[in-house]
Amino acid sequence: MAQTFFFYDLETSGFRAQTDRIMQFAGQRTDMDLQPIGEPYNFLVTLSDDTLPSPDALMVTGITPQKTLEEGYSEAECARMVSEEIFTPGTIAVGFNNVRFDDEFIRHLLWRNFYDPYEWSWKDERSRWDMLDVVRLTRALRPDGIEWPMDANGQPTNRLELITKANGIAHDNAHDAFADVAALIEVTKLVKRAQPQLFDYLLTMRDKRAVQRLVNLETKQP
């Protein structure tokens, strides 16, 4: 089956996937050459009455519970779309720190709404890939061709909004999920253009079966 990327980002009511909730979902499907396929997704999700959002999260995103009530889909409808329309067979789910953050929110979303919380990321040639890890490895191993930002203290930083700024990529509304998705696609293109061989290698290594072939745990030989 044909594989595609689905770049996505979430804005949430806080940092804990177990107790906080998704407030905004945005994503764009692309082909393997990073060209867009179809229309993007960008919608709010109604915050449940029993969820107390973090004031800090609301300040960062600018999304209020009232706005989600007025404009958002129900969480059940969001779960249905995620399971049946978005993460379809052959989809590579791509984010920026998604393995440690966004993917956990998706798992808890599906679990609360009676969907399998794991099949979306592995079954029927589905998989996931974290561009934050790709960026970190590229900076460490093959930094040429990309401008790498430093923070205010002169320390290396891999924050998405600083990478886009350093490389002249438009990113006017950081921490809006849709703006972050558009910026992430451009950063992915930048890495692929600057270091295509490393890009392809790391894409292959997202699959544990490829890692198992590289590192033989039975004979303990690489």
N, C-alpha and C. Protein backbone atom coordinates (compact mmCIF):
# COMPACT_ATOMS: atom_id res chain seq x y z
N MET A 1 0.84 -1.19 0.00
CA MET A 1 0.00 0.00 0.00
C MET A 1 0.88 1.24 0.00
N ALA A 2 0.39 2.31 -0.61
CA ALA A 2 1.16 3.54 -0.71
C ALA A 2 1.29 4.20 0.66
N GLN A 3 2.50 4.59 0.98
CA GLN A 3 2.72 5.27 2.25
C GLN A 3 2.61 6.78 2.07
N THR A 4 2.15 7.45 3.10
CA THR A 4 2.09 8.91 3.13
C THR A 4 2.54 9.38 4.49
N PHE A 5 2.98 10.64 4.54
CA PHE A 5 3.22 11.29 5.82
C PHE A 5 1.93 11.99 6.25
N PHE A 6 1.67 12.00 7.56
CA PHE A 6 0.65 12.90 8.10
C PHE A 6 1.31 13.70 9.21
N PHE A 7 1.58 14.97 8.92
CA PHE A 7 2.18 15.87 9.90
C PHE A 7 1.07 16.43 10.78
N TYR A 8 1.27 16.35 12.09
CA TYR A 8 0.20 16.83 12.96
C TYR A 8 0.76 17.47 14.22
N ASP A 9 -0.09 18.29 14.84
CA ASP A 9 0.28 18.95 16.09
C ASP A 9 -0.99 19.16 16.91
N LEU A 10 -0.82 19.16 18.21
CA LEU A 10 -1.93 19.38 19.13
C LEU A 10 -1.65 20.58 20.02
N GLU A 11 -2.71 21.27 20.38
CA GLU A 11 -2.66 22.20 21.51
C GLU A 11 -3.58 21.61 22.57
N THR A 12 -3.11 21.61 23.81
CA THR A 12 -3.80 20.89 24.87
C THR A 12 -4.05 21.77 26.09
N SER A 13 -4.85 21.24 27.01
CA SER A 13 -5.19 21.99 28.22
C SER A 13 -4.10 21.92 29.28
N GLY A 14 -3.06 21.14 29.04
CA GLY A 14 -1.96 20.99 29.98
C GLY A 14 -0.99 19.95 29.47
N PHE A 15 -0.09 19.50 30.34
CA PHE A 15 0.99 18.61 29.93
C PHE A 15 0.72 17.13 30.19
N ARG A 16 -0.28 16.81 30.99
CA ARG A 16 -0.50 15.42 31.40
C ARG A 16 -1.54 14.76 30.49
N ALA A 17 -1.07 13.79 29.71
CA ALA A 17 -1.98 13.12 28.77
C ALA A 17 -3.08 12.35 29.48
N GLN A 18 -2.82 11.92 30.72
CA GLN A 18 -3.82 11.14 31.45
C GLN A 18 -5.01 11.99 31.89
N THR A 19 -4.77 13.25 32.22
CA THR A 19 -5.83 14.07 32.80
C THR A 19 -6.18 15.30 31.98
N ASP A 20 -5.27 15.77 31.13
CA ASP A 20 -5.56 16.92 30.29
C ASP A 20 -6.19 16.47 28.98
N ARG A 21 -6.62 17.43 28.18
CA ARG A 21 -7.38 17.13 26.97
C ARG A 21 -6.86 17.91 25.77
N ILE A 22 -7.11 17.37 24.59
CA ILE A 22 -6.80 18.06 23.34
C ILE A 22 -7.79 19.19 23.15
N MET A 23 -7.28 20.38 22.81
CA MET A 23 -8.14 21.53 22.54
C MET A 23 -8.10 21.94 21.07
N GLN A 24 -6.99 21.64 20.38
CA GLN A 24 -6.89 21.92 18.95
C GLN A 24 -6.12 20.79 18.29
N PHE A 25 -6.60 20.36 17.14
CA PHE A 25 -5.93 19.36 16.31
C PHE A 25 -5.71 19.96 14.94
N ALA A 26 -4.49 19.85 14.43
CA ALA A 26 -4.19 20.31 13.07
C ALA A 26 -3.27 19.31 12.40
N GLY A 27 -3.44 19.13 11.10
CA GLY A 27 -2.58 18.19 10.39
C GLY A 27 -2.69 18.35 8.89
N GLN A 28 -1.68 17.86 8.20
CA GLN A 28 -1.64 17.89 6.74
C GLN A 28 -1.00 16.61 6.24
N ARG A 29 -1.67 15.93 5.32
CA ARG A 29 -1.09 14.75 4.68
C ARG A 29 -0.21 15.18 3.52
N THR A 30 0.93 14.50 3.34
CA THR A 30 1.79 14.74 2.19
C THR A 30 2.20 13.40 1.59
N ASP A 31 2.69 13.46 0.36
CA ASP A 31 3.29 12.26 -0.22
C ASP A 31 4.72 12.13 0.32
N MET A 32 5.43 11.14 -0.14
CA MET A 32 6.77 10.89 0.38
C MET A 32 7.78 11.92 -0.09
N ASP A 33 7.39 12.77 -1.04
CA ASP A 33 8.22 13.90 -1.46
C ASP A 33 7.81 15.19 -0.76
N LEU A 34 6.95 15.06 0.24
CA LEU A 34 6.52 16.18 1.09
C LEU A 34 5.64 17.18 0.36
N GLN A 35 4.95 16.72 -0.68
CA GLN A 35 3.97 17.55 -1.36
C GLN A 35 2.59 17.28 -0.79
N PRO A 36 1.81 18.33 -0.52
CA PRO A 36 0.53 18.14 0.16
C PRO A 36 -0.46 17.29 -0.62
N ILE A 37 -1.22 16.51 0.11
CA ILE A 37 -2.31 15.70 -0.44
C ILE A 37 -3.60 16.11 0.25
N GLY A 38 -4.55 16.57 -0.50
CA GLY A 38 -5.84 16.91 0.07
C GLY A 38 -5.80 18.16 0.93
N GLU A 39 -6.93 18.41 1.57
CA GLU A 39 -7.07 19.59 2.42
C GLU A 39 -6.52 19.32 3.82
N PRO A 40 -6.00 20.35 4.47
CA PRO A 40 -5.51 20.15 5.84
C PRO A 40 -6.66 20.02 6.83
N TYR A 41 -6.35 19.48 7.98
CA TYR A 41 -7.28 19.46 9.11
C TYR A 41 -6.88 20.56 10.09
N ASN A 42 -7.86 21.26 10.61
CA ASN A 42 -7.61 22.27 11.63
C ASN A 42 -8.92 22.52 12.37
N PHE A 43 -9.04 21.97 13.56
CA PHE A 43 -10.30 22.12 14.29
C PHE A 43 -10.05 22.12 15.80
N LEU A 44 -11.00 22.72 16.51
CA LEU A 44 -10.99 22.71 17.96
C LEU A 44 -11.77 21.51 18.47
N VAL A 45 -11.47 21.14 19.71
CA VAL A 45 -12.15 20.02 20.36
C VAL A 45 -12.75 20.54 21.66
N THR A 46 -14.03 20.30 21.85
CA THR A 46 -14.73 20.79 23.03
C THR A 46 -14.09 20.26 24.31
N LEU A 47 -13.79 21.17 25.22
CA LEU A 47 -13.21 20.78 26.50
C LEU A 47 -14.32 20.32 27.44
N SER A 48 -14.16 19.16 28.02
CA SER A 48 -15.20 18.61 28.89
C SER A 48 -15.33 19.42 30.17
N ASP A 49 -16.51 19.37 30.77
CA ASP A 49 -16.80 20.16 31.96
C ASP A 49 -15.95 19.77 33.16
N ASP A 50 -15.47 18.53 33.18
CA ASP A 50 -14.70 18.08 34.34
C ASP A 50 -13.20 18.26 34.17
N THR A 51 -12.78 19.00 33.15
CA THR A 51 -11.36 19.25 32.92
C THR A 51 -11.03 20.69 33.28
N LEU A 52 -10.09 20.86 34.21
CA LEU A 52 -9.64 22.19 34.59
C LEU A 52 -8.35 22.49 33.84
N PRO A 53 -8.37 23.38 32.86
CA PRO A 53 -7.17 23.63 32.05
C PRO A 53 -6.12 24.41 32.83
N SER A 54 -4.88 24.23 32.42
CA SER A 54 -3.78 24.99 33.01
C SER A 54 -3.83 26.43 32.51
N PRO A 55 -3.81 27.42 33.40
CA PRO A 55 -3.76 28.82 32.95
C PRO A 55 -2.58 29.09 32.04
N ASP A 56 -1.44 28.46 32.32
CA ASP A 56 -0.26 28.67 31.47
C ASP A 56 -0.52 28.17 30.05
N ALA A 57 -1.19 27.03 29.93
CA ALA A 57 -1.49 26.49 28.60
C ALA A 57 -2.40 27.43 27.83
N LEU A 58 -3.40 27.99 28.51
CA LEU A 58 -4.32 28.91 27.85
C LEU A 58 -3.61 30.18 27.42
N MET A 59 -2.66 30.64 28.23
CA MET A 59 -1.91 31.84 27.87
C MET A 59 -1.04 31.60 26.63
N VAL A 60 -0.46 30.41 26.54
CA VAL A 60 0.42 30.09 25.41
C VAL A 60 -0.39 29.95 24.12
N THR A 61 -1.49 29.23 24.18
CA THR A 61 -2.24 28.92 22.95
C THR A 61 -3.27 29.97 22.59
N GLY A 62 -3.77 30.69 23.59
CA GLY A 62 -4.84 31.66 23.33
C GLY A 62 -6.19 31.02 23.09
N ILE A 63 -6.31 29.72 23.36
CA ILE A 63 -7.58 29.01 23.16
C ILE A 63 -8.28 28.89 24.51
N THR A 64 -9.48 29.39 24.61
CA THR A 64 -10.23 29.32 25.86
C THR A 64 -11.23 28.16 25.83
N PRO A 65 -11.63 27.66 26.99
CA PRO A 65 -12.68 26.63 27.01
C PRO A 65 -13.96 27.09 26.33
N GLN A 66 -14.30 28.38 26.49
CA GLN A 66 -15.51 28.90 25.86
C GLN A 66 -15.44 28.82 24.34
N LYS A 67 -14.25 29.08 23.80
CA LYS A 67 -14.09 29.01 22.35
C LYS A 67 -14.27 27.58 21.84
N THR A 68 -13.76 26.61 22.60
CA THR A 68 -13.94 25.22 22.17
C THR A 68 -15.41 24.81 22.23
N LEU A 69 -16.15 25.34 23.20
CA LEU A 69 -17.58 25.03 23.29
C LEU A 69 -18.35 25.61 22.11
N GLU A 70 -17.93 26.79 21.66
CA GLU A 70 -18.63 27.45 20.57
C GLU A 70 -18.29 26.85 19.21
N GLU A 71 -17.03 26.44 19.02
CA GLU A 71 -16.56 26.08 17.69
C GLU A 71 -16.06 24.64 17.55
N GLY A 72 -15.92 23.92 18.65
CA GLY A 72 -15.23 22.64 18.60
C GLY A 72 -16.11 21.44 18.30
N TYR A 73 -15.44 20.39 17.81
CA TYR A 73 -16.06 19.07 17.70
C TYR A 73 -16.09 18.43 19.09
N SER A 74 -17.00 17.51 19.30
CA SER A 74 -16.97 16.73 20.53
C SER A 74 -15.73 15.85 20.53
N GLU A 75 -15.30 15.44 21.73
CA GLU A 75 -14.15 14.56 21.80
C GLU A 75 -14.43 13.23 21.11
N ALA A 76 -15.65 12.74 21.21
CA ALA A 76 -16.01 11.49 20.54
C ALA A 76 -15.87 11.60 19.03
N GLU A 77 -16.28 12.73 18.46
CA GLU A 77 -16.15 12.93 17.02
C GLU A 77 -14.69 13.07 16.63
N CYS A 78 -13.90 13.74 17.46
CA CYS A 78 -12.46 13.84 17.20
C CYS A 78 -11.83 12.45 17.17
N ALA A 79 -12.18 11.62 18.14
CA ALA A 79 -11.64 10.26 18.18
C ALA A 79 -12.03 9.47 16.93
N ARG A 80 -13.26 9.63 16.49
CA ARG A 80 -13.71 8.93 15.28
C ARG A 80 -12.91 9.38 14.07
N MET A 81 -12.71 10.69 13.91
CA MET A 81 -11.97 11.21 12.78
C MET A 81 -10.53 10.72 12.80
N VAL A 82 -9.91 10.78 13.97
CA VAL A 82 -8.53 10.33 14.11
C VAL A 82 -8.40 8.86 13.72
N SER A 83 -9.31 8.04 14.20
CA SER A 83 -9.23 6.60 13.98
C SER A 83 -9.61 6.19 12.56
N GLU A 84 -10.63 6.82 12.00
CA GLU A 84 -11.20 6.34 10.74
C GLU A 84 -10.79 7.15 9.52
N GLU A 85 -10.46 8.42 9.68
CA GLU A 85 -10.17 9.28 8.53
C GLU A 85 -8.71 9.71 8.42
N ILE A 86 -8.06 9.89 9.55
CA ILE A 86 -6.75 10.55 9.53
C ILE A 86 -5.61 9.55 9.52
N PHE A 87 -5.51 8.73 10.54
CA PHE A 87 -4.41 7.77 10.61
C PHE A 87 -4.83 6.48 9.92
N THR A 88 -4.93 6.57 8.60
CA THR A 88 -5.37 5.45 7.77
C THR A 88 -4.20 4.51 7.49
N PRO A 89 -4.46 3.29 6.99
CA PRO A 89 -3.37 2.36 6.69
C PRO A 89 -2.30 3.00 5.80
N GLY A 90 -1.03 2.73 6.15
CA GLY A 90 0.09 3.27 5.40
C GLY A 90 0.54 4.65 5.84
N THR A 91 -0.12 5.22 6.86
CA THR A 91 0.21 6.57 7.31
C THR A 91 1.41 6.56 8.24
N ILE A 92 2.36 7.47 7.98
CA ILE A 92 3.46 7.73 8.90
C ILE A 92 3.10 9.00 9.66
N ALA A 93 2.78 8.88 10.94
CA ALA A 93 2.42 10.03 11.76
C ALA A 93 3.69 10.77 12.17
N VAL A 94 3.76 12.05 11.82
CA VAL A 94 4.97 12.84 12.06
C VAL A 94 4.63 14.06 12.89
N GLY A 95 5.44 14.31 13.90
CA GLY A 95 5.27 15.51 14.71
C GLY A 95 6.62 16.02 15.19
N PHE A 96 6.57 16.94 16.13
CA PHE A 96 7.79 17.51 16.71
C PHE A 96 7.68 17.31 18.21
N ASN A 97 8.37 16.29 18.70
CA ASN A 97 8.23 15.79 20.07
C ASN A 97 6.94 15.00 20.23
N ASN A 98 6.43 14.47 19.14
CA ASN A 98 5.16 13.74 19.21
C ASN A 98 5.26 12.42 19.96
N VAL A 99 6.40 11.73 19.88
CA VAL A 99 6.51 10.44 20.54
C VAL A 99 6.34 10.58 22.05
N ARG A 100 6.82 11.67 22.61
CA ARG A 100 6.74 11.87 24.06
C ARG A 100 5.54 12.71 24.49
N PHE A 101 4.88 13.40 23.55
CA PHE A 101 3.79 14.28 23.94
C PHE A 101 2.51 14.01 23.15
N ASP A 102 2.47 14.44 21.89
CA ASP A 102 1.22 14.37 21.12
C ASP A 102 0.68 12.94 21.00
N ASP A 103 1.56 11.98 20.72
CA ASP A 103 1.10 10.60 20.56
C ASP A 103 0.44 10.07 21.83
N GLU A 104 0.95 10.50 22.99
CA GLU A 104 0.35 10.06 24.25
C GLU A 104 -1.07 10.60 24.41
N PHE A 105 -1.29 11.84 23.98
CA PHE A 105 -2.64 12.40 24.02
C PHE A 105 -3.57 11.65 23.07
N ILE A 106 -3.06 11.28 21.89
CA ILE A 106 -3.89 10.51 20.96
C ILE A 106 -4.27 9.16 21.57
N ARG A 107 -3.33 8.51 22.21
CA ARG A 107 -3.61 7.20 22.83
C ARG A 107 -4.70 7.32 23.89
N HIS A 108 -4.59 8.33 24.74
CA HIS A 108 -5.59 8.49 25.80
C HIS A 108 -6.94 8.92 25.24
N LEU A 109 -6.90 9.75 24.19
CA LEU A 109 -8.15 10.12 23.51
C LEU A 109 -8.88 8.88 23.01
N LEU A 110 -8.17 8.01 22.32
CA LEU A 110 -8.79 6.81 21.76
C LEU A 110 -9.27 5.87 22.86
N TRP A 111 -8.46 5.71 23.89
CA TRP A 111 -8.84 4.82 25.00
C TRP A 111 -10.12 5.29 25.67
N ARG A 112 -10.24 6.60 25.91
CA ARG A 112 -11.45 7.12 26.56
C ARG A 112 -12.70 6.93 25.71
N ASN A 113 -12.50 6.83 24.39
CA ASN A 113 -13.64 6.75 23.48
C ASN A 113 -13.79 5.37 22.85
N PHE A 114 -13.22 4.35 23.53
CA PHE A 114 -13.45 2.94 23.20
C PHE A 114 -12.86 2.52 21.85
N TYR A 115 -11.73 3.14 21.49
CA TYR A 115 -10.94 2.68 20.36
C TYR A 115 -9.64 2.07 20.89
N ASP A 116 -9.06 1.18 20.11
CA ASP A 116 -7.76 0.65 20.49
C ASP A 116 -6.75 1.81 20.52
N PRO A 117 -6.01 1.97 21.62
CA PRO A 117 -5.11 3.12 21.73
C PRO A 117 -3.78 2.98 21.01
N TYR A 118 -3.51 1.82 20.42
CA TYR A 118 -2.19 1.60 19.81
C TYR A 118 -2.24 1.30 18.32
N GLU A 119 -3.32 0.73 17.84
CA GLU A 119 -3.35 0.28 16.44
C GLU A 119 -3.11 1.42 15.46
N TRP A 120 -3.51 2.64 15.81
CA TRP A 120 -3.35 3.78 14.90
C TRP A 120 -1.89 4.05 14.54
N SER A 121 -0.96 3.53 15.34
CA SER A 121 0.45 3.85 15.12
C SER A 121 1.29 2.67 14.65
N TRP A 122 0.64 1.49 14.43
CA TRP A 122 1.46 0.37 13.95
C TRP A 122 0.74 -0.57 12.97
N LYS A 123 -0.56 -0.71 13.11
CA LYS A 123 -1.26 -1.73 12.32
C LYS A 123 -1.37 -1.33 10.85
N ASP A 124 -1.32 -2.31 9.94
CA ASP A 124 -1.50 -2.08 8.50
C ASP A 124 -0.52 -1.05 7.96
N GLU A 125 0.75 -1.26 8.29
CA GLU A 125 1.84 -0.42 7.78
C GLU A 125 1.79 1.02 8.29
N ARG A 126 1.04 1.27 9.34
CA ARG A 126 1.12 2.58 9.98
C ARG A 126 2.41 2.64 10.80
N SER A 127 2.88 3.85 11.04
CA SER A 127 4.07 4.03 11.87
C SER A 127 4.11 5.47 12.35
N ARG A 128 5.11 5.81 13.14
CA ARG A 128 5.25 7.18 13.62
C ARG A 128 6.72 7.57 13.59
N TRP A 129 6.95 8.87 13.51
CA TRP A 129 8.30 9.40 13.34
C TRP A 129 8.35 10.75 14.01
N ASP A 130 9.41 10.98 14.78
CA ASP A 130 9.52 12.23 15.54
C ASP A 130 10.61 13.10 14.94
N MET A 131 10.21 14.23 14.36
CA MET A 131 11.19 15.10 13.72
C MET A 131 12.08 15.82 14.72
N LEU A 132 11.68 15.92 15.98
CA LEU A 132 12.59 16.50 16.97
C LEU A 132 13.84 15.64 17.10
N ASP A 133 13.67 14.33 17.14
CA ASP A 133 14.83 13.44 17.21
C ASP A 133 15.65 13.50 15.93
N VAL A 134 14.99 13.63 14.80
CA VAL A 134 15.70 13.77 13.52
C VAL A 134 16.53 15.05 13.52
N VAL A 135 15.95 16.14 13.99
CA VAL A 135 16.67 17.41 14.05
C VAL A 135 17.87 17.30 14.99
N ARG A 136 17.68 16.68 16.13
CA ARG A 136 18.79 16.53 17.08
C ARG A 136 19.94 15.73 16.48
N LEU A 137 19.61 14.62 15.82
CA LEU A 137 20.65 13.80 15.20
C LEU A 137 21.32 14.52 14.05
N THR A 138 20.55 15.25 13.27
CA THR A 138 21.13 16.00 12.16
C THR A 138 22.10 17.06 12.68
N ARG A 139 21.70 17.75 13.73
CA ARG A 139 22.59 18.77 14.31
C ARG A 139 23.87 18.15 14.84
N ALA A 140 23.77 16.98 15.46
CA ALA A 140 24.93 16.33 16.06
C ALA A 140 25.84 15.68 15.03
N LEU A 141 25.26 15.09 13.98
CA LEU A 141 26.04 14.27 13.06
C LEU A 141 26.32 14.93 11.71
N ARG A 142 25.36 15.65 11.15
CA ARG A 142 25.49 16.23 9.82
C ARG A 142 24.90 17.64 9.82
N PRO A 143 25.56 18.59 10.48
CA PRO A 143 24.95 19.92 10.64
C PRO A 143 25.01 20.81 9.41
N ASP A 144 25.82 20.44 8.41
CA ASP A 144 26.02 21.33 7.26
C ASP A 144 24.72 21.57 6.50
N GLY A 145 24.58 22.80 6.02
CA GLY A 145 23.44 23.16 5.18
C GLY A 145 22.25 23.70 5.93
N ILE A 146 22.33 23.76 7.26
CA ILE A 146 21.24 24.26 8.09
C ILE A 146 21.82 25.24 9.10
N GLU A 147 21.12 26.34 9.33
CA GLU A 147 21.51 27.28 10.38
C GLU A 147 20.93 26.81 11.70
N TRP A 148 21.80 26.63 12.69
CA TRP A 148 21.36 26.08 13.97
C TRP A 148 21.31 27.16 15.03
N PRO A 149 20.17 27.37 15.68
CA PRO A 149 20.01 28.49 16.61
C PRO A 149 20.63 28.21 17.98
N MET A 150 20.90 29.30 18.70
CA MET A 150 21.34 29.26 20.09
C MET A 150 20.32 30.03 20.92
N ASP A 151 20.21 29.68 22.20
CA ASP A 151 19.27 30.40 23.05
C ASP A 151 19.90 31.67 23.60
N ALA A 152 19.19 32.35 24.49
CA ALA A 152 19.66 33.63 25.02
C ALA A 152 20.94 33.49 25.83
N ASN A 153 21.21 32.29 26.31
CA ASN A 153 22.43 32.04 27.10
C ASN A 153 23.56 31.48 26.26
N GLY A 154 23.37 31.46 24.95
CA GLY A 154 24.41 30.95 24.06
C GLY A 154 24.50 29.44 24.00
N GLN A 155 23.44 28.75 24.46
CA GLN A 155 23.42 27.29 24.43
C GLN A 155 22.62 26.80 23.22
N PRO A 156 23.00 25.66 22.66
CA PRO A 156 22.25 25.12 21.52
C PRO A 156 20.79 24.85 21.90
N THR A 157 19.89 25.16 21.00
CA THR A 157 18.47 24.89 21.21
C THR A 157 17.86 24.37 19.91
N ASN A 158 16.92 23.47 20.05
CA ASN A 158 16.25 22.90 18.88
C ASN A 158 14.76 23.21 18.88
N ARG A 159 14.38 24.32 19.48
CA ARG A 159 12.97 24.72 19.47
C ARG A 159 12.55 25.04 18.04
N LEU A 160 11.37 24.57 17.68
CA LEU A 160 10.90 24.69 16.30
C LEU A 160 10.87 26.14 15.84
N GLU A 161 10.34 27.04 16.68
CA GLU A 161 10.20 28.44 16.27
C GLU A 161 11.55 29.13 16.08
N LEU A 162 12.59 28.64 16.77
CA LEU A 162 13.93 29.22 16.59
C LEU A 162 14.63 28.64 15.37
N ILE A 163 14.39 27.38 15.08
CA ILE A 163 14.95 26.79 13.86
C ILE A 163 14.36 27.47 12.63
N THR A 164 13.04 27.68 12.65
CA THR A 164 12.42 28.35 11.49
C THR A 164 12.94 29.76 11.33
N LYS A 165 13.09 30.48 12.43
CA LYS A 165 13.59 31.86 12.36
C LYS A 165 15.00 31.90 11.81
N ALA A 166 15.87 31.00 12.27
CA ALA A 166 17.26 30.99 11.84
C ALA A 166 17.40 30.66 10.36
N ASN A 167 16.42 29.94 9.81
CA ASN A 167 16.51 29.49 8.42
C ASN A 167 15.53 30.20 7.49
N GLY A 168 14.96 31.30 7.96
CA GLY A 168 14.11 32.12 7.10
C GLY A 168 12.81 31.46 6.71
N ILE A 169 12.28 30.59 7.57
CA ILE A 169 11.02 29.91 7.30
C ILE A 169 9.89 30.65 8.00
N ALA A 170 8.84 30.95 7.27
CA ALA A 170 7.71 31.68 7.85
C ALA A 170 7.07 30.85 8.97
N HIS A 171 6.87 31.51 10.11
CA HIS A 171 6.28 30.83 11.28
C HIS A 171 5.73 31.92 12.20
N ASP A 172 4.69 32.60 11.72
CA ASP A 172 4.24 33.82 12.37
C ASP A 172 3.42 33.58 13.63
N ASN A 173 2.85 32.42 13.78
CA ASN A 173 1.93 32.19 14.90
C ASN A 173 2.30 30.91 15.62
N ALA A 174 3.52 30.89 16.18
CA ALA A 174 3.98 29.70 16.91
C ALA A 174 3.01 29.38 18.04
N HIS A 175 2.83 28.08 18.29
CA HIS A 175 1.92 27.53 19.29
C HIS A 175 0.46 27.58 18.85
N ASP A 176 0.22 27.93 17.58
CA ASP A 176 -1.03 27.56 16.94
C ASP A 176 -0.75 26.27 16.20
N ALA A 177 -1.58 25.25 16.42
CA ALA A 177 -1.28 23.93 15.89
C ALA A 177 -1.12 23.94 14.37
N PHE A 178 -1.97 24.67 13.67
CA PHE A 178 -1.90 24.68 12.21
C PHE A 178 -0.63 25.37 11.72
N ALA A 179 -0.26 26.48 12.36
CA ALA A 179 0.98 27.17 11.99
C ALA A 179 2.19 26.29 12.27
N ASP A 180 2.16 25.55 13.37
CA ASP A 180 3.28 24.68 13.70
C ASP A 180 3.41 23.53 12.70
N VAL A 181 2.29 23.01 12.22
CA VAL A 181 2.34 21.95 11.21
C VAL A 181 2.97 22.46 9.92
N ALA A 182 2.54 23.63 9.46
CA ALA A 182 3.11 24.20 8.24
C ALA A 182 4.61 24.43 8.39
N ALA A 183 5.02 24.93 9.56
CA ALA A 183 6.44 25.16 9.80
C ALA A 183 7.21 23.84 9.85
N LEU A 184 6.61 22.83 10.47
CA LEU A 184 7.28 21.53 10.58
C LEU A 184 7.52 20.91 9.21
N ILE A 185 6.56 21.02 8.33
CA ILE A 185 6.74 20.48 6.98
C ILE A 185 7.92 21.16 6.29
N GLU A 186 8.03 22.47 6.46
CA GLU A 186 9.14 23.20 5.84
C GLU A 186 10.47 22.82 6.46
N VAL A 187 10.52 22.60 7.77
CA VAL A 187 11.75 22.16 8.41
C VAL A 187 12.12 20.76 7.93
N THR A 188 11.14 19.91 7.75
CA THR A 188 11.39 18.56 7.22
C THR A 188 11.98 18.63 5.82
N LYS A 189 11.43 19.51 4.99
CA LYS A 189 11.99 19.71 3.65
C LYS A 189 13.43 20.20 3.73
N LEU A 190 13.70 21.09 4.68
CA LEU A 190 15.05 21.63 4.85
C LEU A 190 16.03 20.52 5.20
N VAL A 191 15.68 19.66 6.14
CA VAL A 191 16.56 18.56 6.52
C VAL A 191 16.77 17.60 5.36
N LYS A 192 15.70 17.28 4.67
CA LYS A 192 15.81 16.35 3.53
C LYS A 192 16.69 16.94 2.43
N ARG A 193 16.55 18.23 2.19
CA ARG A 193 17.34 18.89 1.15
C ARG A 193 18.81 18.99 1.55
N ALA A 194 19.07 19.29 2.82
CA ALA A 194 20.45 19.49 3.27
C ALA A 194 21.19 18.17 3.48
N GLN A 195 20.48 17.17 4.00
CA GLN A 195 21.12 15.88 4.32
C GLN A 195 20.22 14.72 3.88
N PRO A 196 20.08 14.52 2.58
CA PRO A 196 19.13 13.50 2.10
C PRO A 196 19.47 12.08 2.52
N GLN A 197 20.75 11.75 2.57
CA GLN A 197 21.12 10.38 2.94
C GLN A 197 20.78 10.10 4.40
N LEU A 198 21.10 11.03 5.29
CA LEU A 198 20.77 10.85 6.69
C LEU A 198 19.25 10.83 6.88
N PHE A 199 18.56 11.68 6.16
CA PHE A 199 17.10 11.73 6.24
C PHE A 199 16.50 10.37 5.91
N ASP A 200 16.92 9.79 4.81
CA ASP A 200 16.38 8.49 4.39
C ASP A 200 16.73 7.39 5.39
N TYR A 201 17.96 7.46 5.92
CA TYR A 201 18.38 6.45 6.90
C TYR A 201 17.53 6.51 8.16
N LEU A 202 17.32 7.72 8.67
CA LEU A 202 16.53 7.87 9.89
C LEU A 202 15.07 7.52 9.66
N LEU A 203 14.57 7.77 8.47
CA LEU A 203 13.21 7.36 8.15
C LEU A 203 13.08 5.85 8.20
N THR A 204 14.08 5.15 7.67
CA THR A 204 14.08 3.69 7.72
C THR A 204 14.15 3.18 9.16
N MET A 205 14.95 3.86 10.00
CA MET A 205 15.16 3.41 11.37
C MET A 205 13.97 3.68 12.30
N ARG A 206 12.90 4.30 11.79
CA ARG A 206 11.71 4.45 12.63
C ARG A 206 11.05 3.10 12.88
N ASP A 207 11.38 2.10 12.06
CA ASP A 207 10.77 0.78 12.13
C ASP A 207 11.66 -0.14 12.97
N LYS A 208 11.11 -0.69 14.04
CA LYS A 208 11.93 -1.53 14.92
C LYS A 208 12.46 -2.77 14.20
N ARG A 209 11.77 -3.20 13.14
CA ARG A 209 12.27 -4.36 12.40
C ARG A 209 13.57 -4.02 11.68
N ALA A 210 13.69 -2.78 11.21
CA ALA A 210 14.94 -2.34 10.59
C ALA A 210 16.05 -2.26 11.63
N VAL A 211 15.71 -1.81 12.82
CA VAL A 211 16.70 -1.75 13.90
C VAL A 211 17.14 -3.15 14.29
N GLN A 212 16.21 -4.09 14.34
CA GLN A 212 16.55 -5.47 14.69
C GLN A 212 17.49 -6.09 13.67
N ARG A 213 17.31 -5.74 12.41
CA ARG A 213 18.23 -6.25 11.38
C ARG A 213 19.62 -5.65 11.54
N LEU A 214 19.68 -4.43 12.04
CA LEU A 214 20.96 -3.75 12.21
C LEU A 214 21.68 -4.21 13.46
N VAL A 215 20.93 -4.40 14.53
CA VAL A 215 21.50 -4.81 15.82
C VAL A 215 20.93 -6.19 16.15
N ASN A 216 21.73 -7.20 15.97
CA ASN A 216 21.28 -8.58 16.18
C ASN A 216 21.38 -8.91 17.66
N LEU A 217 20.24 -8.98 18.33
CA LEU A 217 20.24 -9.22 19.77
C LEU A 217 20.43 -10.70 20.12
N GLU A 218 20.29 -11.58 19.13
CA GLU A 218 20.47 -13.01 19.41
C GLU A 218 21.95 -13.37 19.48
N THR A 219 22.73 -12.87 18.54
CA THR A 219 24.17 -13.18 18.53
C THR A 219 24.99 -12.07 19.17
N LYS A 220 24.31 -10.99 19.56
CA LYS A 220 24.99 -9.85 20.19
C LYS A 220 26.05 -9.25 19.28
N GLN A 221 25.78 -9.22 17.98
CA GLN A 221 26.70 -8.63 17.03
C GLN A 221 25.96 -7.59 16.19
N PRO A 222 26.63 -6.47 15.90
CA PRO A 222 25.99 -5.45 15.05
C PRO A 222 25.93 -5.91 13.60
